[in-house]
Amino acid sequence: MSPMSRLRAALRWVPPVTLAVALAALWPLFLSGSGYSAVIAWIALISIGQILAPLALLALIVWGVWKRRFSRPMQATLALGLIALWPAMWGFGVLPIAFPYDVDTSSPTATVRLPSDHTLRVAWGGDRLATNYHAFTPDQRWAYDLVVEPAGHGSSDLEAYGCYGTPVLAPVASTVRRARDGLADQVPGKPSRILDEPAGNSVVLELNTGTFLLLAHLKQRSLAVAAGDRVEEGQLLGECGNSGNTSEPHIHIHHQRQDPSEYPVNMAEGLPLFFRDHDGPPMPEGGVTQRDGDVAFTGAVVRHVPKGTDDSRE
């Protein structure tokens, strides 16, 4: 074999070796669940899966059909490409896994009151994907979606939802880092697909730990605070709405390390968020099922209980 032939034969192994090295480096970083490096690895895995792997697989399949054979390097690339496709499918709900941050070792945590005085149903919440679809993403690893019933019935009328217009309260004394208002409430009963400003009208609170709470999907022109304000626990922030990337009025809240004003959605470290002074567990779980074509929320029902009062329901 001539030197040129040997070079061409060696170059055929470049695609599988490159992909193998990338996957070998990224998976341990991701599965470590340690710091921001795990977030970067998560983003890279999804990017490889969604962009590079499909293109490589398509090119190899076309080449193999044209040549009527698949060399060993091509077979290796196809096999690795199929592995790389798995993260691409996570965003479509195909075999997703919870982001590997550990609730017992992630810190600092935040323990706050519920963001409403109304009786709330936990649509999504907890540490498991089965009860909290947010657990797939790094920044929203322990996020909650809270509704006030009636909810989940699919109506296109905002006023038909118990959560719409209800006061959203500061869960803890903190400083308003960002207050976004002016975005229209979306028609409920279907996904809005608002991807440029998924949080919609929202408030970012900076805690004394230097970490941040994000409260999202507030009602247009309902915000009662501005950036720089110091708020006390229980103070009015705004009203529940249906702005941003949402399907019906609900209160979204999550805790993250980096400032949401500076880090795009899904590109920050999520941190555990617990509730106190209520009649439920510190991390109440959600649950969603389908009944007769409608969504039925089956998660925990929780209510804020002011200190010094009993916890009996009215």
C-alpha atoms as a PDB file:
ATOM      1  CA  MET A   1       0.000   0.000   0.000  1.00  0.00           C
ATOM      2  CA  SER A   2       1.354   3.415  -0.977  1.00  0.00           C
ATOM      3  CA  PRO A   3       1.784   6.205   1.609  1.00  0.00           C
ATOM      4  CA  MET A   4      -1.145   8.083   0.034  1.00  0.00           C
ATOM      5  CA  SER A   5      -3.385   5.030   0.263  1.00  0.00           C
ATOM      6  CA  ARG A   6      -2.434   4.550   3.903  1.00  0.00           C
ATOM      7  CA  LEU A   7      -3.209   8.224   4.579  1.00  0.00           C
ATOM      8  CA  ARG A   8      -6.647   7.934   2.948  1.00  0.00           C
ATOM      9  CA  ALA A   9      -7.347   4.773   4.941  1.00  0.00           C
ATOM     10  CA  ALA A  10      -6.340   6.516   8.166  1.00  0.00           C
ATOM     11  CA  LEU A  11      -8.457   9.582   7.405  1.00  0.00           C
ATOM     12  CA  ARG A  12     -11.552   7.387   7.183  1.00  0.00           C
ATOM     13  CA  TRP A  13     -11.254   6.903  10.939  1.00  0.00           C
ATOM     14  CA  VAL A  14     -11.305  10.648  11.640  1.00  0.00           C
ATOM     15  CA  PRO A  15     -15.142  10.956  11.963  1.00  0.00           C
ATOM     16  CA  PRO A  16     -15.626   8.068  14.426  1.00  0.00           C
ATOM     17  CA  VAL A  17     -12.533   8.922  16.442  1.00  0.00           C
ATOM     18  CA  THR A  18     -13.563  12.600  16.676  1.00  0.00           C
ATOM     19  CA  LEU A  19     -17.102  11.717  17.729  1.00  0.00           C
ATOM     20  CA  ALA A  20     -15.870   9.100  20.182  1.00  0.00           C
ATOM     21  CA  VAL A  21     -13.461  11.532  21.819  1.00  0.00           C
ATOM     22  CA  ALA A  22     -16.190  14.180  22.106  1.00  0.00           C
ATOM     23  CA  LEU A  23     -18.666  11.756  23.666  1.00  0.00           C
ATOM     24  CA  ALA A  24     -16.022  10.277  25.945  1.00  0.00           C
ATOM     25  CA  ALA A  25     -15.206  13.739  27.268  1.00  0.00           C
ATOM     26  CA  LEU A  26     -18.763  15.054  27.557  1.00  0.00           C
ATOM     27  CA  TRP A  27     -20.632  12.179  29.208  1.00  0.00           C
ATOM     28  CA  PRO A  28     -18.452  12.013  32.350  1.00  0.00           C
ATOM     29  CA  LEU A  29     -18.710  15.807  32.763  1.00  0.00           C
ATOM     30  CA  PHE A  30     -22.480  15.648  32.403  1.00  0.00           C
ATOM     31  CA  LEU A  31     -23.026  12.641  34.642  1.00  0.00           C
ATOM     32  CA  SER A  32     -20.791  14.122  37.328  1.00  0.00           C
ATOM     33  CA  GLY A  33     -23.572  16.585  38.101  1.00  0.00           C
ATOM     34  CA  SER A  34     -20.907  18.933  39.360  1.00  0.00           C
ATOM     35  CA  GLY A  35     -21.042  22.682  38.818  1.00  0.00           C
ATOM     36  CA  TYR A  36     -21.359  24.617  35.600  1.00  0.00           C
ATOM     37  CA  SER A  37     -19.200  22.154  33.659  1.00  0.00           C
ATOM     38  CA  ALA A  38     -22.129  19.705  33.759  1.00  0.00           C
ATOM     39  CA  VAL A  39     -24.370  22.379  32.192  1.00  0.00           C
ATOM     40  CA  ILE A  40     -21.870  22.983  29.383  1.00  0.00           C
ATOM     41  CA  ALA A  41     -21.574  19.236  28.774  1.00  0.00           C
ATOM     42  CA  TRP A  42     -25.396  18.934  28.670  1.00  0.00           C
ATOM     43  CA  ILE A  43     -25.624  21.713  26.075  1.00  0.00           C
ATOM     44  CA  ALA A  44     -22.802  20.199  24.012  1.00  0.00           C
ATOM     45  CA  LEU A  45     -24.349  16.709  24.059  1.00  0.00           C
ATOM     46  CA  ILE A  46     -27.672  18.058  22.830  1.00  0.00           C
ATOM     47  CA  SER A  47     -25.941  20.207  20.189  1.00  0.00           C
ATOM     48  CA  ILE A  48     -23.956  17.251  18.867  1.00  0.00           C
ATOM     49  CA  GLY A  49     -27.084  15.148  18.803  1.00  0.00           C
ATOM     50  CA  GLN A  50     -29.286  17.725  17.108  1.00  0.00           C
ATOM     51  CA  ILE A  51     -26.832  19.104  14.560  1.00  0.00           C
ATOM     52  CA  LEU A  52     -23.756  17.004  13.923  1.00  0.00           C
ATOM     53  CA  ALA A  53     -25.068  13.481  14.395  1.00  0.00           C
ATOM     54  CA  PRO A  54     -28.014  13.709  11.929  1.00  0.00           C
ATOM     55  CA  LEU A  55     -25.830  15.311   9.265  1.00  0.00           C
ATOM     56  CA  ALA A  56     -23.105  12.719   9.708  1.00  0.00           C
ATOM     57  CA  LEU A  57     -25.576   9.849   9.660  1.00  0.00           C
ATOM     58  CA  LEU A  58     -27.328  11.140   6.542  1.00  0.00           C
ATOM     59  CA  ALA A  59     -24.051  11.647   4.699  1.00  0.00           C
ATOM     60  CA  LEU A  60     -22.809   8.188   5.631  1.00  0.00           C
ATOM     61  CA  ILE A  61     -26.051   6.484   4.630  1.00  0.00           C
ATOM     62  CA  VAL A  62     -26.071   8.236   1.244  1.00  0.00           C
ATOM     63  CA  TRP A  63     -22.411   7.373   0.734  1.00  0.00           C
ATOM     64  CA  GLY A  64     -22.927   3.736   1.700  1.00  0.00           C
ATOM     65  CA  VAL A  65     -25.941   3.295  -0.590  1.00  0.00           C
ATOM     66  CA  TRP A  66     -24.062   4.925  -3.439  1.00  0.00           C
ATOM     67  CA  LYS A  67     -20.965   2.778  -2.940  1.00  0.00           C
ATOM     68  CA  ARG A  68     -23.084  -0.271  -2.016  1.00  0.00           C
ATOM     69  CA  ARG A  69     -20.882  -0.979   0.956  1.00  0.00           C
ATOM     70  CA  PHE A  70     -20.118   0.307   4.428  1.00  0.00           C
ATOM     71  CA  SER A  71     -16.488   0.249   5.507  1.00  0.00           C
ATOM     72  CA  ARG A  72     -15.586  -0.448   9.118  1.00  0.00           C
ATOM     73  CA  PRO A  73     -14.911   3.261   9.826  1.00  0.00           C
ATOM     74  CA  MET A  74     -18.363   4.057   8.418  1.00  0.00           C
ATOM     75  CA  GLN A  75     -19.966   1.364  10.557  1.00  0.00           C
ATOM     76  CA  ALA A  76     -18.220   2.751  13.631  1.00  0.00           C
ATOM     77  CA  THR A  77     -19.384   6.294  12.800  1.00  0.00           C
ATOM     78  CA  LEU A  78     -22.968   5.106  12.313  1.00  0.00           C
ATOM     79  CA  ALA A  79     -22.942   3.326  15.668  1.00  0.00           C
ATOM     80  CA  LEU A  80     -21.533   6.350  17.485  1.00  0.00           C
ATOM     81  CA  GLY A  81     -23.923   8.644  15.625  1.00  0.00           C
ATOM     82  CA  LEU A  82     -26.894   6.642  16.882  1.00  0.00           C
ATOM     83  CA  ILE A  83     -25.577   7.024  20.432  1.00  0.00           C
ATOM     84  CA  ALA A  84     -25.153  10.772  19.885  1.00  0.00           C
ATOM     85  CA  LEU A  85     -28.748  11.033  18.657  1.00  0.00           C
ATOM     86  CA  TRP A  86     -30.121  10.077  22.087  1.00  0.00           C
ATOM     87  CA  PRO A  87     -29.575  13.541  23.674  1.00  0.00           C
ATOM     88  CA  ALA A  88     -31.211  15.112  20.613  1.00  0.00           C
ATOM     89  CA  MET A  89     -34.402  13.238  21.422  1.00  0.00           C
ATOM     90  CA  TRP A  90     -34.564  14.450  25.028  1.00  0.00           C
ATOM     91  CA  GLY A  91     -36.177  17.707  23.976  1.00  0.00           C
ATOM     92  CA  PHE A  92     -38.978  15.747  22.314  1.00  0.00           C
ATOM     93  CA  GLY A  93     -39.654  13.737  25.451  1.00  0.00           C
ATOM     94  CA  VAL A  94     -38.002  10.549  24.172  1.00  0.00           C
ATOM     95  CA  LEU A  95     -36.159   8.740  26.985  1.00  0.00           C
ATOM     96  CA  PRO A  96     -35.131  11.885  28.872  1.00  0.00           C
ATOM     97  CA  ILE A  97     -33.246  11.639  32.134  1.00  0.00           C
ATOM     98  CA  ALA A  98     -33.243  13.962  35.120  1.00  0.00           C
ATOM     99  CA  PHE A  99     -30.313  16.348  35.160  1.00  0.00           C
ATOM    100  CA  PRO A 100     -27.825  14.631  37.489  1.00  0.00           C
ATOM    101  CA  TYR A 101     -27.656  17.275  40.201  1.00  0.00           C
ATOM    102  CA  ASP A 102     -28.213  15.672  43.612  1.00  0.00           C
ATOM    103  CA  VAL A 103     -30.761  17.279  45.921  1.00  0.00           C
ATOM    104  CA  ASP A 104     -28.810  16.102  48.967  1.00  0.00           C
ATOM    105  CA  THR A 105     -25.477  17.606  47.943  1.00  0.00           C
ATOM    106  CA  SER A 106     -26.427  20.669  45.876  1.00  0.00           C
ATOM    107  CA  SER A 107     -26.038  23.933  47.745  1.00  0.00           C
ATOM    108  CA  PRO A 108     -26.981  26.490  48.740  1.00  0.00           C
ATOM    109  CA  THR A 109     -30.620  25.549  49.059  1.00  0.00           C
ATOM    110  CA  ALA A 110     -33.487  28.003  49.548  1.00  0.00           C
ATOM    111  CA  THR A 111     -36.389  27.464  51.939  1.00  0.00           C
ATOM    112  CA  VAL A 112     -39.185  29.997  51.411  1.00  0.00           C
ATOM    113  CA  ARG A 113     -42.915  30.465  51.853  1.00  0.00           C
ATOM    114  CA  LEU A 114     -45.366  29.663  49.050  1.00  0.00           C
ATOM    115  CA  PRO A 115     -45.747  32.501  46.519  1.00  0.00           C
ATOM    116  CA  SER A 116     -49.516  32.753  47.085  1.00  0.00           C
ATOM    117  CA  ASP A 117     -52.049  32.733  49.907  1.00  0.00           C
ATOM    118  CA  HIS A 118     -54.462  30.698  47.777  1.00  0.00           C
ATOM    119  CA  THR A 119     -54.774  26.934  48.034  1.00  0.00           C
ATOM    120  CA  LEU A 120     -52.403  25.663  45.358  1.00  0.00           C
ATOM    121  CA  ARG A 121     -52.189  22.459  43.391  1.00  0.00           C
ATOM    122  CA  VAL A 122     -48.653  21.389  42.463  1.00  0.00           C
ATOM    123  CA  ALA A 123     -48.872  20.641  38.750  1.00  0.00           C
ATOM    124  CA  TRP A 124     -45.159  19.896  38.488  1.00  0.00           C
ATOM    125  CA  GLY A 125     -42.667  19.672  41.331  1.00  0.00           C
ATOM    126  CA  GLY A 126     -40.268  17.439  43.188  1.00  0.00           C
ATOM    127  CA  ASP A 127     -37.003  15.667  42.524  1.00  0.00           C
ATOM    128  CA  ARG A 128     -38.202  13.096  39.963  1.00  0.00           C
ATOM    129  CA  LEU A 129     -39.059  13.358  36.264  1.00  0.00           C
ATOM    130  CA  ALA A 130     -42.243  11.413  36.953  1.00  0.00           C
ATOM    131  CA  THR A 131     -43.582  14.318  39.022  1.00  0.00           C
ATOM    132  CA  ASN A 132     -41.597  17.209  37.585  1.00  0.00           C
ATOM    133  CA  TYR A 133     -40.863  17.463  33.871  1.00  0.00           C
ATOM    134  CA  HIS A 134     -38.584  20.456  34.597  1.00  0.00           C
ATOM    135  CA  ALA A 135     -36.055  18.056  36.160  1.00  0.00           C
ATOM    136  CA  PHE A 136     -34.694  17.405  32.671  1.00  0.00           C
ATOM    137  CA  THR A 137     -33.184  20.907  32.419  1.00  0.00           C
ATOM    138  CA  PRO A 138     -30.258  22.156  34.523  1.00  0.00           C
ATOM    139  CA  ASP A 139     -31.585  25.561  35.617  1.00  0.00           C
ATOM    140  CA  GLN A 140     -35.101  24.309  36.406  1.00  0.00           C
ATOM    141  CA  ARG A 141     -33.966  21.069  38.055  1.00  0.00           C
ATOM    142  CA  TRP A 142     -36.248  21.710  41.081  1.00  0.00           C
ATOM    143  CA  ALA A 143     -38.781  24.117  39.563  1.00  0.00           C
ATOM    144  CA  TYR A 144     -42.472  24.179  40.431  1.00  0.00           C
ATOM    145  CA  ASP A 145     -45.595  24.937  38.416  1.00  0.00           C
ATOM    146  CA  LEU A 146     -48.420  25.876  40.789  1.00  0.00           C
ATOM    147  CA  VAL A 147     -52.071  26.272  39.791  1.00  0.00           C
ATOM    148  CA  VAL A 148     -55.284  27.344  41.486  1.00  0.00           C
ATOM    149  CA  GLU A 149     -58.239  25.184  40.580  1.00  0.00           C
ATOM    150  CA  PRO A 150     -60.193  25.078  38.333  1.00  0.00           C
ATOM    151  CA  ALA A 151     -57.297  24.240  36.030  1.00  0.00           C
ATOM    152  CA  GLY A 152     -56.323  21.867  33.255  1.00  0.00           C
ATOM    153  CA  HIS A 153     -59.689  21.964  31.490  1.00  0.00           C
ATOM    154  CA  GLY A 154     -58.331  23.377  28.209  1.00  0.00           C
ATOM    155  CA  SER A 155     -60.567  26.451  27.985  1.00  0.00           C
ATOM    156  CA  SER A 156     -59.380  29.347  25.811  1.00  0.00           C
ATOM    157  CA  ASP A 157     -60.866  31.820  28.333  1.00  0.00           C
ATOM    158  CA  LEU A 158     -58.274  33.189  30.738  1.00  0.00           C
ATOM    159  CA  GLU A 159     -60.920  33.999  33.328  1.00  0.00           C
ATOM    160  CA  ALA A 160     -61.915  30.314  33.472  1.00  0.00           C
ATOM    161  CA  TYR A 161     -58.693  29.493  35.307  1.00  0.00           C
ATOM    162  CA  GLY A 162     -58.593  29.935  39.060  1.00  0.00           C
ATOM    163  CA  CYS A 163     -54.982  31.093  39.015  1.00  0.00           C
ATOM    164  CA  TYR A 164     -55.464  33.955  36.567  1.00  0.00           C
ATOM    165  CA  GLY A 165     -55.220  37.310  38.315  1.00  0.00           C
ATOM    166  CA  THR A 166     -54.419  35.887  41.761  1.00  0.00           C
ATOM    167  CA  PRO A 167     -51.748  37.812  43.720  1.00  0.00           C
ATOM    168  CA  VAL A 168     -48.198  36.472  43.488  1.00  0.00           C
ATOM    169  CA  LEU A 169     -46.248  37.202  46.664  1.00  0.00           C
ATOM    170  CA  ALA A 170     -42.570  37.474  47.514  1.00  0.00           C
ATOM    171  CA  PRO A 171     -41.546  34.085  48.954  1.00  0.00           C
ATOM    172  CA  VAL A 172     -38.763  35.654  51.042  1.00  0.00           C
ATOM    173  CA  ALA A 173     -37.234  39.026  51.898  1.00  0.00           C
ATOM    174  CA  SER A 174     -34.945  39.820  48.979  1.00  0.00           C
ATOM    175  CA  THR A 175     -33.926  42.366  46.362  1.00  0.00           C
ATOM    176  CA  VAL A 176     -35.606  42.650  42.965  1.00  0.00           C
ATOM    177  CA  ARG A 177     -32.910  42.050  40.392  1.00  0.00           C
ATOM    178  CA  ARG A 178     -35.185  42.257  37.359  1.00  0.00           C
ATOM    179  CA  ALA A 179     -38.863  43.027  36.758  1.00  0.00           C
ATOM    180  CA  ARG A 180     -40.207  42.377  33.250  1.00  0.00           C
ATOM    181  CA  ASP A 181     -43.671  43.589  32.280  1.00  0.00           C
ATOM    182  CA  GLY A 182     -45.603  44.542  29.149  1.00  0.00           C
ATOM    183  CA  LEU A 183     -45.862  41.157  27.440  1.00  0.00           C
ATOM    184  CA  ALA A 184     -49.309  40.018  26.388  1.00  0.00           C
ATOM    185  CA  ASP A 185     -51.055  37.109  28.090  1.00  0.00           C
ATOM    186  CA  GLN A 186     -51.352  34.204  25.681  1.00  0.00           C
ATOM    187  CA  VAL A 187     -54.522  32.319  24.757  1.00  0.00           C
ATOM    188  CA  PRO A 188     -54.651  29.343  27.170  1.00  0.00           C
ATOM    189  CA  GLY A 189     -55.519  25.750  26.429  1.00  0.00           C
ATOM    190  CA  LYS A 190     -52.594  25.213  24.055  1.00  0.00           C
ATOM    191  CA  PRO A 191     -48.806  25.693  24.152  1.00  0.00           C
ATOM    192  CA  SER A 192     -47.880  29.272  23.312  1.00  0.00           C
ATOM    193  CA  ARG A 193     -44.417  28.445  21.907  1.00  0.00           C
ATOM    194  CA  ILE A 194     -42.976  31.795  22.983  1.00  0.00           C
ATOM    195  CA  LEU A 195     -39.277  30.968  22.815  1.00  0.00           C
ATOM    196  CA  ASP A 196     -37.703  34.433  22.690  1.00  0.00           C
ATOM    197  CA  GLU A 197     -38.981  35.377  26.173  1.00  0.00           C
ATOM    198  CA  PRO A 198     -40.107  32.082  27.716  1.00  0.00           C
ATOM    199  CA  ALA A 199     -40.484  33.498  31.250  1.00  0.00           C
ATOM    200  CA  GLY A 200     -42.880  36.175  30.015  1.00  0.00           C
ATOM    201  CA  ASN A 201     -43.623  38.905  32.529  1.00  0.00           C
ATOM    202  CA  SER A 202     -41.448  37.891  35.444  1.00  0.00           C
ATOM    203  CA  VAL A 203     -39.602  38.894  38.590  1.00  0.00           C
ATOM    204  CA  VAL A 204     -36.083  37.835  39.527  1.00  0.00           C
ATOM    205  CA  LEU A 205     -35.271  38.027  43.248  1.00  0.00           C
ATOM    206  CA  GLU A 206     -31.714  38.020  44.561  1.00  0.00           C
ATOM    207  CA  LEU A 207     -31.423  36.181  47.874  1.00  0.00           C
ATOM    208  CA  ASN A 208     -28.944  36.814  50.664  1.00  0.00           C
ATOM    209  CA  THR A 209     -27.079  33.697  49.484  1.00  0.00           C
ATOM    210  CA  GLY A 210     -26.274  35.457  46.203  1.00  0.00           C
ATOM    211  CA  THR A 211     -28.543  33.034  44.349  1.00  0.00           C
ATOM    212  CA  PHE A 212     -31.788  33.836  42.530  1.00  0.00           C
ATOM    213  CA  LEU A 213     -35.480  33.003  42.434  1.00  0.00           C
ATOM    214  CA  LEU A 214     -37.378  33.387  39.164  1.00  0.00           C
ATOM    215  CA  LEU A 215     -41.163  33.827  39.244  1.00  0.00           C
ATOM    216  CA  ALA A 216     -42.569  33.672  35.730  1.00  0.00           C
ATOM    217  CA  HIS A 217     -45.690  33.996  33.533  1.00  0.00           C
ATOM    218  CA  LEU A 218     -47.178  36.989  35.347  1.00  0.00           C
ATOM    219  CA  LYS A 219     -50.153  38.977  34.101  1.00  0.00           C
ATOM    220  CA  GLN A 220     -49.486  41.874  31.758  1.00  0.00           C
ATOM    221  CA  ARG A 221     -49.201  45.258  33.508  1.00  0.00           C
ATOM    222  CA  SER A 222     -49.683  43.686  36.938  1.00  0.00           C
ATOM    223  CA  LEU A 223     -46.176  44.052  38.373  1.00  0.00           C
ATOM    224  CA  ALA A 224     -46.019  45.999  41.624  1.00  0.00           C
ATOM    225  CA  VAL A 225     -42.210  46.111  41.936  1.00  0.00           C
ATOM    226  CA  ALA A 226     -39.241  47.367  39.970  1.00  0.00           C
ATOM    227  CA  ALA A 227     -35.580  46.437  39.686  1.00  0.00           C
ATOM    228  CA  GLY A 228     -33.669  47.540  42.762  1.00  0.00           C
ATOM    229  CA  ASP A 229     -36.647  47.379  45.143  1.00  0.00           C
ATOM    230  CA  ARG A 230     -36.216  45.677  48.481  1.00  0.00           C
ATOM    231  CA  VAL A 231     -39.222  43.457  49.160  1.00  0.00           C
ATOM    232  CA  GLU A 232     -40.386  41.805  52.344  1.00  0.00           C
ATOM    233  CA  GLU A 233     -41.720  38.286  52.607  1.00  0.00           C
ATOM    234  CA  GLY A 234     -45.363  38.167  51.544  1.00  0.00           C
ATOM    235  CA  GLN A 235     -45.216  41.479  49.657  1.00  0.00           C
ATOM    236  CA  LEU A 236     -47.140  41.716  46.376  1.00  0.00           C
ATOM    237  CA  LEU A 237     -45.001  41.184  43.270  1.00  0.00           C
ATOM    238  CA  GLY A 238     -47.746  40.998  40.654  1.00  0.00           C
ATOM    239  CA  GLU A 239     -50.580  38.771  39.514  1.00  0.00           C
ATOM    240  CA  CYS A 240     -50.629  35.314  37.967  1.00  0.00           C
ATOM    241  CA  GLY A 241     -50.976  35.477  34.209  1.00  0.00           C
ATOM    242  CA  ASN A 242     -50.286  33.492  31.068  1.00  0.00           C
ATOM    243  CA  SER A 243     -47.390  35.315  29.431  1.00  0.00           C
ATOM    244  CA  GLY A 244     -44.343  33.698  27.881  1.00  0.00           C
ATOM    245  CA  ASN A 245     -43.954  30.008  27.040  1.00  0.00           C
ATOM    246  CA  THR A 246     -46.963  28.516  28.789  1.00  0.00           C
ATOM    247  CA  SER A 247     -50.211  26.658  28.173  1.00  0.00           C
ATOM    248  CA  GLU A 248     -52.415  27.992  30.969  1.00  0.00           C
ATOM    249  CA  PRO A 249     -52.217  30.430  33.917  1.00  0.00           C
ATOM    250  CA  HIS A 250     -49.881  29.167  36.615  1.00  0.00           C
ATOM    251  CA  ILE A 251     -47.100  30.355  38.899  1.00  0.00           C
ATOM    252  CA  HIS A 252     -43.684  29.105  37.877  1.00  0.00           C
ATOM    253  CA  ILE A 253     -40.905  29.406  40.447  1.00  0.00           C
ATOM    254  CA  HIS A 254     -37.380  28.031  40.577  1.00  0.00           C
ATOM    255  CA  HIS A 255     -34.032  28.644  42.286  1.00  0.00           C
ATOM    256  CA  GLN A 256     -30.730  28.943  40.419  1.00  0.00           C
ATOM    257  CA  ARG A 257     -27.140  29.945  41.054  1.00  0.00           C
ATOM    258  CA  GLN A 258     -26.578  32.369  38.162  1.00  0.00           C
ATOM    259  CA  ASP A 259     -28.501  35.590  37.504  1.00  0.00           C
ATOM    260  CA  PRO A 260     -31.351  34.893  35.031  1.00  0.00           C
ATOM    261  CA  SER A 261     -30.892  38.454  33.786  1.00  0.00           C
ATOM    262  CA  GLU A 262     -27.508  37.464  32.401  1.00  0.00           C
ATOM    263  CA  TYR A 263     -27.792  33.735  31.677  1.00  0.00           C
ATOM    264  CA  PRO A 264     -30.229  32.432  29.022  1.00  0.00           C
ATOM    265  CA  VAL A 265     -32.878  29.875  29.907  1.00  0.00           C
ATOM    266  CA  ASN A 266     -31.501  26.339  30.406  1.00  0.00           C
ATOM    267  CA  MET A 267     -27.933  27.643  30.802  1.00  0.00           C
ATOM    268  CA  ALA A 268     -27.619  27.980  34.582  1.00  0.00           C
ATOM    269  CA  GLU A 269     -27.229  25.715  37.614  1.00  0.00           C
ATOM    270  CA  GLY A 270     -30.508  24.839  39.281  1.00  0.00           C
ATOM    271  CA  LEU A 271     -30.562  24.648  43.070  1.00  0.00           C
ATOM    272  CA  PRO A 272     -32.959  22.933  45.497  1.00  0.00           C
ATOM    273  CA  LEU A 273     -36.033  24.907  46.526  1.00  0.00           C
ATOM    274  CA  PHE A 274     -38.085  23.963  49.586  1.00  0.00           C
ATOM    275  CA  PHE A 275     -41.231  25.464  51.118  1.00  0.00           C
ATOM    276  CA  ARG A 276     -41.963  26.175  54.796  1.00  0.00           C
ATOM    277  CA  ASP A 277     -44.975  27.488  56.729  1.00  0.00           C
ATOM    278  CA  HIS A 278     -47.476  25.426  54.784  1.00  0.00           C
ATOM    279  CA  ASP A 279     -49.511  22.275  55.241  1.00  0.00           C
ATOM    280  CA  GLY A 280     -47.407  19.994  53.089  1.00  0.00           C
ATOM    281  CA  PRO A 281     -43.925  18.502  52.685  1.00  0.00           C
ATOM    282  CA  PRO A 282     -40.895  20.760  52.114  1.00  0.00           C
ATOM    283  CA  MET A 283     -40.633  19.640  48.470  1.00  0.00           C
ATOM    284  CA  PRO A 284     -44.194  18.812  47.368  1.00  0.00           C
ATOM    285  CA  GLU A 285     -44.521  16.648  44.286  1.00  0.00           C
ATOM    286  CA  GLY A 286     -46.613  17.282  41.212  1.00  0.00           C
ATOM    287  CA  GLY A 287     -48.460  14.948  38.904  1.00  0.00           C
ATOM    288  CA  VAL A 288     -50.375  15.160  35.640  1.00  0.00           C
ATOM    289  CA  THR A 289     -52.641  12.655  33.923  1.00  0.00           C
ATOM    290  CA  GLN A 290     -55.230  12.647  31.134  1.00  0.00           C
ATOM    291  CA  ARG A 291     -58.923  12.156  31.883  1.00  0.00           C
ATOM    292  CA  ASP A 292     -61.545  12.233  29.158  1.00  0.00           C
ATOM    293  CA  GLY A 293     -59.314  14.342  26.957  1.00  0.00           C
ATOM    294  CA  ASP A 294     -58.594  16.908  29.673  1.00  0.00           C
ATOM    295  CA  VAL A 295     -55.509  17.370  31.787  1.00  0.00           C
ATOM    296  CA  ALA A 296     -55.966  16.352  35.420  1.00  0.00           C
ATOM    297  CA  PHE A 297     -53.488  17.565  38.011  1.00  0.00           C
ATOM    298  CA  THR A 298     -52.878  14.952  40.676  1.00  0.00           C
ATOM    299  CA  GLY A 299     -50.025  16.555  42.607  1.00  0.00           C
ATOM    300  CA  ALA A 300     -50.013  17.750  46.195  1.00  0.00           C
ATOM    301  CA  VAL A 301     -52.457  20.403  47.389  1.00  0.00           C
ATOM    302  CA  VAL A 302     -50.735  22.959  49.613  1.00  0.00           C
ATOM    303  CA  ARG A 303     -51.684  26.152  51.401  1.00  0.00           C
ATOM    304  CA  HIS A 304     -49.639  28.769  53.195  1.00  0.00           C
ATOM    305  CA  VAL A 305     -50.185  28.678  56.958  1.00  0.00           C
ATOM    306  CA  PRO A 306     -49.110  31.892  58.708  1.00  0.00           C
ATOM    307  CA  LYS A 307     -46.965  31.388  61.752  1.00  0.00           C
ATOM    308  CA  GLY A 308     -48.943  31.232  64.953  1.00  0.00           C
ATOM    309  CA  THR A 309     -52.083  29.779  63.354  1.00  0.00           C
ATOM    310  CA  ASP A 310     -53.347  26.233  63.142  1.00  0.00           C
ATOM    311  CA  ASP A 311     -53.166  24.345  59.870  1.00  0.00           C
ATOM    312  CA  SER A 312     -56.803  23.289  59.611  1.00  0.00           C
ATOM    313  CA  ARG A 313     -58.493  23.863  56.256  1.00  0.00           C
ATOM    314  CA  GLU A 314     -61.457  26.153  56.006  1.00  0.00           C
END
